Amino acid sequence: MKPTSKEVLEKISKHCSNQLTLYKFNTSTLHISEKYREGRLTALEYIGELTYYYLQEEKRIQEQFKDQVTKQLKLHSCLNDTEYKRGLYDTLHEVLNF
């Protein structure tokens, strides 16, 4: 099964954090130039910020989805109390509880 976008972003974020630690604090043990190290750090910080942004977007998508389901509940609140309405409400409430 393919990993979800959230799983991929979390994996990238963890990798960037590990690499940031490596390049920030191992200045004498790594045999690289200072400019190369600075380039790596700049890219890793950028990717870290980018993954954070998209993880927050993913959270917002979940919230927006639940808001839309809640709007459907309110939209259909004027229906008469029938089997149809109970089926509709049961399903929408199930989804809200995920």
PDB file of N, CA and C in Angstrom:
ATOM      1  N   MET A   1       0.844  -1.174   0.000  1.00  0.00           N
ATOM      2  CA  MET A   1       0.000   0.000   0.000  1.00  0.00           C
ATOM      3  C   MET A   1       0.894   1.244   0.000  1.00  0.00           C
ATOM      4  N   LYS A   2       0.513   2.198  -0.815  1.00  0.00           N
ATOM      5  CA  LYS A   2       1.281   3.445  -0.879  1.00  0.00           C
ATOM      6  C   LYS A   2       1.091   4.243   0.402  1.00  0.00           C
ATOM      7  N   PRO A   3       2.163   4.880   0.868  1.00  0.00           N
ATOM      8  CA  PRO A   3       2.020   5.721   2.064  1.00  0.00           C
ATOM      9  C   PRO A   3       1.169   6.951   1.750  1.00  0.00           C
ATOM     10  N   THR A   4       0.497   7.449   2.761  1.00  0.00           N
ATOM     11  CA  THR A   4      -0.309   8.657   2.585  1.00  0.00           C
ATOM     12  C   THR A   4       0.609   9.868   2.463  1.00  0.00           C
ATOM     13  N   SER A   5       0.056  10.954   1.987  1.00  0.00           N
ATOM     14  CA  SER A   5       0.858  12.179   1.868  1.00  0.00           C
ATOM     15  C   SER A   5       1.348  12.627   3.244  1.00  0.00           C
ATOM     16  N   LYS A   6       0.529  12.447   4.263  1.00  0.00           N
ATOM     17  CA  LYS A   6       0.933  12.816   5.625  1.00  0.00           C
ATOM     18  C   LYS A   6       2.133  11.976   6.064  1.00  0.00           C
ATOM     19  N   GLU A   7       2.099  10.678   5.784  1.00  0.00           N
ATOM     20  CA  GLU A   7       3.216   9.801   6.159  1.00  0.00           C
ATOM     21  C   GLU A   7       4.499  10.196   5.436  1.00  0.00           C
ATOM     22  N   VAL A   8       4.374  10.533   4.156  1.00  0.00           N
ATOM     23  CA  VAL A   8       5.548  10.954   3.378  1.00  0.00           C
ATOM     24  C   VAL A   8       6.121  12.247   3.955  1.00  0.00           C
ATOM     25  N   LEU A   9       5.247  13.220   4.233  1.00  0.00           N
ATOM     26  CA  LEU A   9       5.705  14.494   4.792  1.00  0.00           C
ATOM     27  C   LEU A   9       6.361  14.308   6.157  1.00  0.00           C
ATOM     28  N   GLU A  10       5.794  13.448   6.983  1.00  0.00           N
ATOM     29  CA  GLU A  10       6.389  13.191   8.302  1.00  0.00           C
ATOM     30  C   GLU A  10       7.759  12.530   8.171  1.00  0.00           C
ATOM     31  N   LYS A  11       7.884  11.624   7.207  1.00  0.00           N
ATOM     32  CA  LYS A  11       9.170  10.955   6.979  1.00  0.00           C
ATOM     33  C   LYS A  11      10.220  11.963   6.499  1.00  0.00           C
ATOM     34  N   ILE A  12       9.828  12.835   5.586  1.00  0.00           N
ATOM     35  CA  ILE A  12      10.738  13.873   5.090  1.00  0.00           C
ATOM     36  C   ILE A  12      11.137  14.805   6.231  1.00  0.00           C
ATOM     37  N   SER A  13      10.171  15.199   7.048  1.00  0.00           N
ATOM     38  CA  SER A  13      10.438  16.095   8.169  1.00  0.00           C
ATOM     39  C   SER A  13      11.435  15.470   9.147  1.00  0.00           C
ATOM     40  N   LYS A  14      11.238  14.210   9.453  1.00  0.00           N
ATOM     41  CA  LYS A  14      12.150  13.516  10.373  1.00  0.00           C
ATOM     42  C   LYS A  14      13.555  13.438   9.778  1.00  0.00           C
ATOM     43  N   HIS A  15      13.636  13.114   8.486  1.00  0.00           N
ATOM     44  CA  HIS A  15      14.933  13.041   7.814  1.00  0.00           C
ATOM     45  C   HIS A  15      15.639  14.401   7.869  1.00  0.00           C
ATOM     46  N   CYS A  16      14.899  15.466   7.582  1.00  0.00           N
ATOM     47  CA  CYS A  16      15.484  16.814   7.612  1.00  0.00           C
ATOM     48  C   CYS A  16      15.985  17.165   9.012  1.00  0.00           C
ATOM     49  N   SER A  17      15.220  16.820  10.025  1.00  0.00           N
ATOM     50  CA  SER A  17      15.647  17.106  11.400  1.00  0.00           C
ATOM     51  C   SER A  17      16.947  16.385  11.727  1.00  0.00           C
ATOM     52  N   ASN A  18      17.029  15.121  11.341  1.00  0.00           N
ATOM     53  CA  ASN A  18      18.253  14.350  11.592  1.00  0.00           C
ATOM     54  C   ASN A  18      19.440  14.945  10.842  1.00  0.00           C
ATOM     55  N   GLN A  19      19.219  15.315   9.591  1.00  0.00           N
ATOM     56  CA  GLN A  19      20.291  15.882   8.787  1.00  0.00           C
ATOM     57  C   GLN A  19      20.712  17.261   9.300  1.00  0.00           C
ATOM     58  N   LEU A  20      19.747  18.057   9.737  1.00  0.00           N
ATOM     59  CA  LEU A  20      20.067  19.370  10.311  1.00  0.00           C
ATOM     60  C   LEU A  20      20.985  19.219  11.521  1.00  0.00           C
ATOM     61  N   THR A  21      20.658  18.272  12.375  1.00  0.00           N
ATOM     62  CA  THR A  21      21.505  18.018  13.550  1.00  0.00           C
ATOM     63  C   THR A  21      22.905  17.614  13.117  1.00  0.00           C
ATOM     64  N   LEU A  22      22.982  16.722  12.152  1.00  0.00           N
ATOM     65  CA  LEU A  22      24.274  16.253  11.663  1.00  0.00           C
ATOM     66  C   LEU A  22      25.125  17.402  11.132  1.00  0.00           C
ATOM     67  N   TYR A  23      24.547  18.234  10.280  1.00  0.00           N
ATOM     68  CA  TYR A  23      25.326  19.297   9.646  1.00  0.00           C
ATOM     69  C   TYR A  23      25.560  20.506  10.550  1.00  0.00           C
ATOM     70  N   LYS A  24      24.686  20.732  11.522  1.00  0.00           N
ATOM     71  CA  LYS A  24      24.889  21.861  12.436  1.00  0.00           C
ATOM     72  C   LYS A  24      25.969  21.576  13.470  1.00  0.00           C
ATOM     73  N   PHE A  25      25.975  20.389  14.011  1.00  0.00           N
ATOM     74  CA  PHE A  25      26.798  20.123  15.189  1.00  0.00           C
ATOM     75  C   PHE A  25      28.030  19.258  14.934  1.00  0.00           C
ATOM     76  N   ASN A  26      28.247  18.809  13.719  1.00  0.00           N
ATOM     77  CA  ASN A  26      29.430  18.006  13.410  1.00  0.00           C
ATOM     78  C   ASN A  26      30.335  18.754  12.441  1.00  0.00           C
ATOM     79  N   THR A  27      30.679  19.962  12.794  1.00  0.00           N
ATOM     80  CA  THR A  27      31.485  20.788  11.888  1.00  0.00           C
ATOM     81  C   THR A  27      32.905  20.267  11.736  1.00  0.00           C
ATOM     82  N   SER A  28      33.439  19.640  12.746  1.00  0.00           N
ATOM     83  CA  SER A  28      34.835  19.183  12.648  1.00  0.00           C
ATOM     84  C   SER A  28      34.956  17.742  12.164  1.00  0.00           C
ATOM     85  N   THR A  29      33.926  16.931  12.346  1.00  0.00           N
ATOM     86  CA  THR A  29      34.030  15.522  11.953  1.00  0.00           C
ATOM     87  C   THR A  29      33.631  15.274  10.504  1.00  0.00           C
ATOM     88  N   LEU A  30      32.840  16.142   9.930  1.00  0.00           N
ATOM     89  CA  LEU A  30      32.469  15.992   8.520  1.00  0.00           C
ATOM     90  C   LEU A  30      33.561  16.606   7.652  1.00  0.00           C
ATOM     91  N   HIS A  31      33.954  15.901   6.638  1.00  0.00           N
ATOM     92  CA  HIS A  31      35.007  16.395   5.742  1.00  0.00           C
ATOM     93  C   HIS A  31      34.366  17.059   4.520  1.00  0.00           C
ATOM     94  N   ILE A  32      33.779  18.230   4.768  1.00  0.00           N
ATOM     95  CA  ILE A  32      33.111  19.001   3.717  1.00  0.00           C
ATOM     96  C   ILE A  32      33.496  20.461   3.877  1.00  0.00           C
ATOM     97  N   SER A  33      33.302  21.215   2.798  1.00  0.00           N
ATOM     98  CA  SER A  33      33.615  22.643   2.881  1.00  0.00           C
ATOM     99  C   SER A  33      32.514  23.372   3.653  1.00  0.00           C
ATOM    100  N   GLU A  34      32.856  24.536   4.165  1.00  0.00           N
ATOM    101  CA  GLU A  34      31.897  25.353   4.909  1.00  0.00           C
ATOM    102  C   GLU A  34      30.741  25.790   4.002  1.00  0.00           C
ATOM    103  N   LYS A  35      31.051  26.116   2.759  1.00  0.00           N
ATOM    104  CA  LYS A  35      30.010  26.546   1.814  1.00  0.00           C
ATOM    105  C   LYS A  35      29.033  25.403   1.530  1.00  0.00           C
ATOM    106  N   TYR A  36      29.558  24.187   1.367  1.00  0.00           N
ATOM    107  CA  TYR A  36      28.694  23.026   1.135  1.00  0.00           C
ATOM    108  C   TYR A  36      27.779  22.823   2.340  1.00  0.00           C
ATOM    109  N   ARG A  37      28.347  22.899   3.540  1.00  0.00           N
ATOM    110  CA  ARG A  37      27.575  22.736   4.772  1.00  0.00           C
ATOM    111  C   ARG A  37      26.475  23.786   4.855  1.00  0.00           C
ATOM    112  N   GLU A  38      26.808  25.039   4.543  1.00  0.00           N
ATOM    113  CA  GLU A  38      25.811  26.114   4.564  1.00  0.00           C
ATOM    114  C   GLU A  38      24.700  25.853   3.550  1.00  0.00           C
ATOM    115  N   GLY A  39      25.080  25.364   2.377  1.00  0.00           N
ATOM    116  CA  GLY A  39      24.078  25.035   1.360  1.00  0.00           C
ATOM    117  C   GLY A  39      23.136  23.938   1.828  1.00  0.00           C
ATOM    118  N   ARG A  40      23.701  22.898   2.442  1.00  0.00           N
ATOM    119  CA  ARG A  40      22.881  21.810   2.972  1.00  0.00           C
ATOM    120  C   ARG A  40      21.937  22.331   4.055  1.00  0.00           C
ATOM    121  N   LEU A  41      22.469  23.132   4.965  1.00  0.00           N
ATOM    122  CA  LEU A  41      21.647  23.659   6.054  1.00  0.00           C
ATOM    123  C   LEU A  41      20.509  24.532   5.529  1.00  0.00           C
ATOM    124  N   THR A  42      20.809  25.370   4.548  1.00  0.00           N
ATOM    125  CA  THR A  42      19.774  26.230   3.966  1.00  0.00           C
ATOM    126  C   THR A  42      18.667  25.391   3.343  1.00  0.00           C
ATOM    127  N   ALA A  43      19.051  24.391   2.562  1.00  0.00           N
ATOM    128  CA  ALA A  43      18.058  23.534   1.910  1.00  0.00           C
ATOM    129  C   ALA A  43      17.259  22.738   2.937  1.00  0.00           C
ATOM    130  N   LEU A  44      17.921  22.209   3.945  1.00  0.00           N
ATOM    131  CA  LEU A  44      17.231  21.421   4.966  1.00  0.00           C
ATOM    132  C   LEU A  44      16.256  22.270   5.774  1.00  0.00           C
ATOM    133  N   GLU A  45      16.638  23.501   6.086  1.00  0.00           N
ATOM    134  CA  GLU A  45      15.728  24.395   6.809  1.00  0.00           C
ATOM    135  C   GLU A  45      14.516  24.734   5.948  1.00  0.00           C
ATOM    136  N   TYR A  46      14.755  24.978   4.660  1.00  0.00           N
ATOM    137  CA  TYR A  46      13.650  25.275   3.742  1.00  0.00           C
ATOM    138  C   TYR A  46      12.688  24.090   3.651  1.00  0.00           C
ATOM    139  N   ILE A  47      13.229  22.900   3.449  1.00  0.00           N
ATOM    140  CA  ILE A  47      12.385  21.710   3.328  1.00  0.00           C
ATOM    141  C   ILE A  47      11.642  21.450   4.644  1.00  0.00           C
ATOM    142  N   GLY A  48      12.302  21.682   5.764  1.00  0.00           N
ATOM    143  CA  GLY A  48      11.638  21.527   7.062  1.00  0.00           C
ATOM    144  C   GLY A  48      10.445  22.455   7.206  1.00  0.00           C
ATOM    145  N   GLU A  49      10.620  23.709   6.805  1.00  0.00           N
ATOM    146  CA  GLU A  49       9.519  24.677   6.864  1.00  0.00           C
ATOM    147  C   GLU A  49       8.404  24.304   5.892  1.00  0.00           C
ATOM    148  N   LEU A  50       8.789  23.826   4.721  1.00  0.00           N
ATOM    149  CA  LEU A  50       7.808  23.432   3.713  1.00  0.00           C
ATOM    150  C   LEU A  50       6.980  22.239   4.182  1.00  0.00           C
ATOM    151  N   THR A  51       7.627  21.248   4.774  1.00  0.00           N
ATOM    152  CA  THR A  51       6.876  20.089   5.269  1.00  0.00           C
ATOM    153  C   THR A  51       5.952  20.500   6.413  1.00  0.00           C
ATOM    154  N   TYR A  52       6.407  21.395   7.270  1.00  0.00           N
ATOM    155  CA  TYR A  52       5.555  21.883   8.358  1.00  0.00           C
ATOM    156  C   TYR A  52       4.309  22.565   7.780  1.00  0.00           C
ATOM    157  N   TYR A  53       4.509  23.400   6.772  1.00  0.00           N
ATOM    158  CA  TYR A  53       3.393  24.105   6.138  1.00  0.00           C
ATOM    159  C   TYR A  53       2.362  23.110   5.592  1.00  0.00           C
ATOM    160  N   TYR A  54       2.836  22.099   4.867  1.00  0.00           N
ATOM    161  CA  TYR A  54       1.904  21.152   4.257  1.00  0.00           C
ATOM    162  C   TYR A  54       1.266  20.215   5.278  1.00  0.00           C
ATOM    163  N   LEU A  55       1.936  19.925   6.359  1.00  0.00           N
ATOM    164  CA  LEU A  55       1.296  19.152   7.427  1.00  0.00           C
ATOM    165  C   LEU A  55       0.173  19.967   8.065  1.00  0.00           C
ATOM    166  N   GLN A  56       0.372  21.274   8.195  1.00  0.00           N
ATOM    167  CA  GLN A  56      -0.683  22.144   8.715  1.00  0.00           C
ATOM    168  C   GLN A  56      -1.850  22.227   7.732  1.00  0.00           C
ATOM    169  N   GLU A  57      -1.536  22.269   6.436  1.00  0.00           N
ATOM    170  CA  GLU A  57      -2.584  22.282   5.408  1.00  0.00           C
ATOM    171  C   GLU A  57      -3.427  21.012   5.502  1.00  0.00           C
ATOM    172  N   GLU A  58      -2.771  19.890   5.735  1.00  0.00           N
ATOM    173  CA  GLU A  58      -3.467  18.615   5.847  1.00  0.00           C
ATOM    174  C   GLU A  58      -4.434  18.644   7.025  1.00  0.00           C
ATOM    175  N   LYS A  59      -4.027  19.253   8.121  1.00  0.00           N
ATOM    176  CA  LYS A  59      -4.918  19.398   9.278  1.00  0.00           C
ATOM    177  C   LYS A  59      -6.114  20.277   8.930  1.00  0.00           C
ATOM    178  N   ARG A  60      -5.850  21.348   8.178  1.00  0.00           N
ATOM    179  CA  ARG A  60      -6.938  22.257   7.786  1.00  0.00           C
ATOM    180  C   ARG A  60      -7.938  21.552   6.875  1.00  0.00           C
ATOM    181  N   ILE A  61      -7.446  20.671   6.020  1.00  0.00           N
ATOM    182  CA  ILE A  61      -8.344  19.924   5.133  1.00  0.00           C
ATOM    183  C   ILE A  61      -9.291  19.070   5.963  1.00  0.00           C
ATOM    184  N   GLN A  62      -8.778  18.420   6.991  1.00  0.00           N
ATOM    185  CA  GLN A  62      -9.633  17.612   7.871  1.00  0.00           C
ATOM    186  C   GLN A  62     -10.698  18.482   8.533  1.00  0.00           C
ATOM    187  N   GLU A  63     -10.297  19.646   9.011  1.00  0.00           N
ATOM    188  CA  GLU A  63     -11.244  20.550   9.668  1.00  0.00           C
ATOM    189  C   GLU A  63     -12.302  21.040   8.682  1.00  0.00           C
ATOM    190  N   GLN A  64     -11.884  21.379   7.471  1.00  0.00           N
ATOM    191  CA  GLN A  64     -12.826  21.849   6.459  1.00  0.00           C
ATOM    192  C   GLN A  64     -13.811  20.747   6.078  1.00  0.00           C
ATOM    193  N   PHE A  65     -13.313  19.519   5.999  1.00  0.00           N
ATOM    194  CA  PHE A  65     -14.176  18.384   5.686  1.00  0.00           C
ATOM    195  C   PHE A  65     -15.259  18.235   6.759  1.00  0.00           C
ATOM    196  N   LYS A  66     -14.849  18.275   8.011  1.00  0.00           N
ATOM    197  CA  LYS A  66     -15.813  18.141   9.104  1.00  0.00           C
ATOM    198  C   LYS A  66     -16.794  19.315   9.123  1.00  0.00           C
ATOM    199  N   ASP A  67     -16.324  20.501   8.786  1.00  0.00           N
ATOM    200  CA  ASP A  67     -17.216  21.662   8.704  1.00  0.00           C
ATOM    201  C   ASP A  67     -18.291  21.450   7.646  1.00  0.00           C
ATOM    202  N   GLN A  68     -17.905  20.889   6.513  1.00  0.00           N
ATOM    203  CA  GLN A  68     -18.874  20.635   5.446  1.00  0.00           C
ATOM    204  C   GLN A  68     -19.908  19.593   5.868  1.00  0.00           C
ATOM    205  N   VAL A  69     -19.468  18.557   6.572  1.00  0.00           N
ATOM    206  CA  VAL A  69     -20.404  17.539   7.062  1.00  0.00           C
ATOM    207  C   VAL A  69     -21.365  18.169   8.072  1.00  0.00           C
ATOM    208  N   THR A  70     -20.849  19.016   8.945  1.00  0.00           N
ATOM    209  CA  THR A  70     -21.691  19.703   9.927  1.00  0.00           C
ATOM    210  C   THR A  70     -22.711  20.599   9.228  1.00  0.00           C
ATOM    211  N   LYS A  71     -22.304  21.255   8.152  1.00  0.00           N
ATOM    212  CA  LYS A  71     -23.240  22.092   7.386  1.00  0.00           C
ATOM    213  C   LYS A  71     -24.369  21.240   6.818  1.00  0.00           C
ATOM    214  N   GLN A  72     -24.049  20.027   6.376  1.00  0.00           N
ATOM    215  CA  GLN A  72     -25.087  19.139   5.856  1.00  0.00           C
ATOM    216  C   GLN A  72     -26.073  18.761   6.959  1.00  0.00           C
ATOM    217  N   LEU A  73     -25.562  18.536   8.160  1.00  0.00           N
ATOM    218  CA  LEU A  73     -26.450  18.236   9.285  1.00  0.00           C
ATOM    219  C   LEU A  73     -27.420  19.391   9.524  1.00  0.00           C
ATOM    220  N   LYS A  74     -26.896  20.607   9.526  1.00  0.00           N
ATOM    221  CA  LYS A  74     -27.736  21.785   9.753  1.00  0.00           C
ATOM    222  C   LYS A  74     -28.708  22.003   8.595  1.00  0.00           C
ATOM    223  N   LEU A  75     -28.237  21.763   7.384  1.00  0.00           N
ATOM    224  CA  LEU A  75     -29.068  21.952   6.194  1.00  0.00           C
ATOM    225  C   LEU A  75     -30.293  21.039   6.226  1.00  0.00           C
ATOM    226  N   HIS A  76     -30.105  19.824   6.715  1.00  0.00           N
ATOM    227  CA  HIS A  76     -31.203  18.854   6.708  1.00  0.00           C
ATOM    228  C   HIS A  76     -31.962  18.797   8.027  1.00  0.00           C
ATOM    229  N   SER A  77     -31.672  19.719   8.920  1.00  0.00           N
ATOM    230  CA  SER A  77     -32.355  19.708  10.220  1.00  0.00           C
ATOM    231  C   SER A  77     -33.846  20.024  10.091  1.00  0.00           C
ATOM    232  N   CYS A  78     -34.239  20.643   9.002  1.00  0.00           N
ATOM    233  CA  CYS A  78     -35.643  21.018   8.824  1.00  0.00           C
ATOM    234  C   CYS A  78     -36.496  19.863   8.278  1.00  0.00           C
ATOM    235  N   LEU A  79     -35.861  18.757   7.922  1.00  0.00           N
ATOM    236  CA  LEU A  79     -36.621  17.608   7.425  1.00  0.00           C
ATOM    237  C   LEU A  79     -37.493  17.022   8.532  1.00  0.00           C
ATOM    238  N   ASN A  80     -38.608  16.444   8.122  1.00  0.00           N
ATOM    239  CA  ASN A  80     -39.450  15.741   9.091  1.00  0.00           C
ATOM    240  C   ASN A  80     -38.684  14.551   9.645  1.00  0.00           C
ATOM    241  N   ASP A  81     -39.042  14.142  10.853  1.00  0.00           N
ATOM    242  CA  ASP A  81     -38.356  13.022  11.500  1.00  0.00           C
ATOM    243  C   ASP A  81     -38.809  11.714  10.841  1.00  0.00           C
ATOM    244  N   THR A  82     -38.066  11.304   9.822  1.00  0.00           N
ATOM    245  CA  THR A  82     -38.392  10.090   9.067  1.00  0.00           C
ATOM    246  C   THR A  82     -37.208   9.136   9.097  1.00  0.00           C
ATOM    247  N   GLU A  83     -37.414   7.943   8.556  1.00  0.00           N
ATOM    248  CA  GLU A  83     -36.323   6.970   8.449  1.00  0.00           C
ATOM    249  C   GLU A  83     -35.189   7.546   7.597  1.00  0.00           C
ATOM    250  N   TYR A  84     -35.561   8.269   6.546  1.00  0.00           N
ATOM    251  CA  TYR A  84     -34.554   8.887   5.675  1.00  0.00           C
ATOM    252  C   TYR A  84     -33.655   9.828   6.475  1.00  0.00           C
ATOM    253  N   LYS A  85     -34.278  10.705   7.253  1.00  0.00           N
ATOM    254  CA  LYS A  85     -33.512  11.672   8.045  1.00  0.00           C
ATOM    255  C   LYS A  85     -32.636  10.954   9.067  1.00  0.00           C
ATOM    256  N   ARG A  86     -33.172   9.918   9.730  1.00  0.00           N
ATOM    257  CA  ARG A  86     -32.370   9.183  10.712  1.00  0.00           C
ATOM    258  C   ARG A  86     -31.176   8.502  10.040  1.00  0.00           C
ATOM    259  N   GLY A  87     -31.398   7.927   8.856  1.00  0.00           N
ATOM    260  CA  GLY A  87     -30.292   7.298   8.123  1.00  0.00           C
ATOM    261  C   GLY A  87     -29.241   8.314   7.726  1.00  0.00           C
ATOM    262  N   LEU A  88     -29.705   9.449   7.251  1.00  0.00           N
ATOM    263  CA  LEU A  88     -28.803  10.531   6.861  1.00  0.00           C
ATOM    264  C   LEU A  88     -27.988  11.008   8.061  1.00  0.00           C
ATOM    265  N   TYR A  89     -28.670  11.288   9.162  1.00  0.00           N
ATOM    266  CA  TYR A  89     -27.990  11.786  10.362  1.00  0.00           C
ATOM    267  C   TYR A  89     -27.036  10.751  10.951  1.00  0.00           C
ATOM    268  N   ASP A  90     -27.456   9.484  10.988  1.00  0.00           N
ATOM    269  CA  ASP A  90     -26.576   8.443  11.526  1.00  0.00           C
ATOM    270  C   ASP A  90     -25.266   8.382  10.748  1.00  0.00           C
ATOM    271  N   THR A  91     -25.365   8.435   9.428  1.00  0.00           N
ATOM    272  CA  THR A  91     -24.167   8.361   8.587  1.00  0.00           C
ATOM    273  C   THR A  91     -23.284   9.586   8.770  1.00  0.00           C
ATOM    274  N   LEU A  92     -23.874  10.765   8.767  1.00  0.00           N
ATOM    275  CA  LEU A  92     -23.090  11.989   8.932  1.00  0.00           C
ATOM    276  C   LEU A  92     -22.418  12.042  10.308  1.00  0.00           C
ATOM    277  N   HIS A  93     -23.105  11.585  11.340  1.00  0.00           N
ATOM    278  CA  HIS A  93     -22.499  11.558  12.681  1.00  0.00           C
ATOM    279  C   HIS A  93     -21.368  10.537  12.755  1.00  0.00           C
ATOM    280  N   GLU A  94     -21.535   9.400  12.074  1.00  0.00           N
ATOM    281  CA  GLU A  94     -20.453   8.405  12.042  1.00  0.00           C
ATOM    282  C   GLU A  94     -19.192   9.013  11.449  1.00  0.00           C
ATOM    283  N   VAL A  95     -19.360   9.744  10.358  1.00  0.00           N
ATOM    284  CA  VAL A  95     -18.212  10.358   9.684  1.00  0.00           C
ATOM    285  C   VAL A  95     -17.562  11.405  10.584  1.00  0.00           C
ATOM    286  N   LEU A  96     -18.355  12.162  11.297  1.00  0.00           N
ATOM    287  CA  LEU A  96     -17.803  13.188  12.193  1.00  0.00           C
ATOM    288  C   LEU A  96     -16.975  12.579  13.325  1.00  0.00           C
ATOM    289  N   ASN A  97     -17.250  11.345  13.682  1.00  0.00           N
ATOM    290  CA  ASN A  97     -16.534  10.704  14.789  1.00  0.00           C
ATOM    291  C   ASN A  97     -15.219  10.051  14.377  1.00  0.00           C
ATOM    292  N   PHE A  98     -14.855  10.120  13.104  1.00  0.00           N
ATOM    293  CA  PHE A  98     -13.562   9.553  12.676  1.00  0.00           C
ATOM    294  C   PHE A  98     -12.433  10.432  13.136  1.00  0.00           C
TER     295      PHE A  98
END
